[in-house]
């Protein structure tokens, strides 16, 4: 049942595993690759700030839950984004954030 709910949620969000690339125009470091973000401490600090702002805005427009991540802290969220970025350095930072957000939302289902 939980797996079916997660699949339904993914379809409802329009985010399958194969097509989780954000289609929205993005500005700042979020439009760049994960490799760029993790390449040095200054860029990582800039990306962390950008990621938290993006996360907040993404929650604001999320019609399923506006509190994704509320039961954890920012270091956990950013740590999960970083794991994805290290594993997939060509992925955009915004796309990595969306993946974490969707996973956190699915885990609540």
Protein backbone atom coordinates (compact mmCIF):
# COMPACT_ATOMS: atom_id res chain seq x y z
CA UNK A 1 0.00 0.00 0.00
CA UNK A 2 2.77 2.43 0.94
CA UNK A 3 4.60 1.69 -2.32
CA UNK A 4 1.41 2.37 -4.30
CA UNK A 5 0.92 5.68 -2.48
CA UNK A 6 4.50 6.68 -3.20
CA UNK A 7 4.13 5.80 -6.87
CA UNK A 8 0.88 7.73 -7.09
CA UNK A 9 2.48 10.72 -5.41
CA UNK A 10 5.40 10.65 -7.83
CA UNK A 11 3.02 10.58 -10.77
CA UNK A 12 0.93 13.36 -9.25
CA UNK A 13 4.02 15.49 -8.82
CA UNK A 14 5.09 14.66 -12.36
CA UNK A 15 8.43 13.41 -11.10
CA UNK A 16 9.38 9.93 -12.17
CA UNK A 17 12.88 8.71 -11.41
CA UNK A 18 13.79 9.12 -15.05
CA UNK A 19 12.54 12.68 -15.38
CA UNK A 20 13.14 14.58 -12.17
CA UNK A 21 14.82 17.53 -13.90
CA UNK A 22 13.22 20.81 -12.92
CA UNK A 23 11.77 22.66 -15.89
CA UNK A 24 11.50 26.03 -14.17
CA UNK A 25 13.93 28.83 -14.88
CA UNK A 26 16.40 29.14 -12.05
CA UNK A 27 18.84 31.85 -11.08
CA UNK A 28 21.98 31.77 -9.00
CA UNK A 29 24.04 28.76 -8.10
CA UNK A 30 21.03 26.46 -8.21
CA UNK A 31 21.07 26.47 -12.00
CA UNK A 32 24.62 25.10 -12.00
CA UNK A 33 25.81 21.53 -11.56
CA UNK A 34 26.38 19.70 -8.33
CA UNK A 35 30.05 19.43 -9.31
CA UNK A 36 30.29 23.21 -9.28
CA UNK A 37 28.58 23.39 -5.89
CA UNK A 38 30.89 20.93 -4.16
CA UNK A 39 34.08 22.16 -5.87
CA UNK A 40 35.19 24.49 -3.06
CA UNK A 41 34.07 25.81 0.32
CA UNK A 42 32.98 29.24 -0.94
CA UNK A 43 30.72 27.73 -3.59
CA UNK A 44 29.40 25.20 -1.10
CA UNK A 45 28.50 27.97 1.35
CA UNK A 46 26.72 29.89 -1.41
CA UNK A 47 24.90 26.72 -2.49
CA UNK A 48 23.82 25.90 1.05
CA UNK A 49 22.14 29.30 1.40
CA UNK A 50 20.57 29.00 -2.02
CA UNK A 51 19.37 25.46 -1.28
CA UNK A 52 17.60 26.48 1.91
CA UNK A 53 15.84 29.35 0.16
CA UNK A 54 14.83 27.06 -2.70
CA UNK A 55 13.60 24.42 -0.22
CA UNK A 56 11.47 27.03 1.54
CA UNK A 57 10.00 28.31 -1.74
CA UNK A 58 9.38 24.76 -2.97
CA UNK A 59 7.43 24.02 0.20
CA UNK A 60 5.44 27.22 -0.23
CA UNK A 61 4.06 26.01 -3.57
CA UNK A 62 3.79 22.33 -2.67
CA UNK A 63 0.11 21.45 -2.81
CA UNK A 64 0.61 18.14 -0.96
CA UNK A 65 2.47 19.43 2.10
CA UNK A 66 3.97 22.78 2.95
CA UNK A 67 6.04 21.35 5.80
CA UNK A 68 8.36 18.85 4.09
CA UNK A 69 11.49 18.60 6.20
CA UNK A 70 9.93 20.17 9.29
CA UNK A 71 10.72 17.08 11.36
CA UNK A 72 14.45 17.29 10.69
CA UNK A 73 17.07 20.01 10.61
CA UNK A 74 18.81 21.86 7.83
CA UNK A 75 22.03 19.86 8.20
CA UNK A 76 20.16 16.63 7.45
CA UNK A 77 18.48 18.18 4.41
CA UNK A 78 21.75 19.61 3.10
CA UNK A 79 23.57 16.36 3.85
CA UNK A 80 21.08 14.43 1.73
CA UNK A 81 21.43 16.95 -1.11
CA UNK A 82 25.22 16.66 -0.88
CA UNK A 83 25.04 12.84 -1.07
CA UNK A 84 23.09 13.09 -4.31
CA UNK A 85 25.47 15.71 -5.68
CA UNK A 86 28.54 13.60 -4.92
CA UNK A 87 26.92 10.58 -6.57
CA UNK A 88 25.70 12.54 -9.60
CA UNK A 89 27.97 15.57 -10.10
CA UNK A 90 26.45 16.51 -13.48
CA UNK A 91 22.99 16.90 -11.94
CA UNK A 92 21.82 20.46 -11.29
CA UNK A 93 21.76 21.59 -7.66
CA UNK A 94 18.06 22.48 -7.93
CA UNK A 95 17.31 18.99 -9.24
CA UNK A 96 19.17 17.39 -6.34
CA UNK A 97 17.14 19.47 -3.89
CA UNK A 98 13.88 18.47 -5.56
CA UNK A 99 14.84 14.79 -5.33
CA UNK A 100 15.45 15.10 -1.58
CA UNK A 101 12.22 17.04 -1.08
CA UNK A 102 10.17 14.45 -2.98
CA UNK A 103 11.82 11.60 -1.08
CA UNK A 104 11.08 13.27 2.26
CA UNK A 105 7.48 13.83 1.15
CA UNK A 106 7.12 10.20 0.05
CA UNK A 107 8.57 8.95 3.34
CA UNK A 108 5.80 10.79 5.18
CA UNK A 109 3.10 8.96 3.19
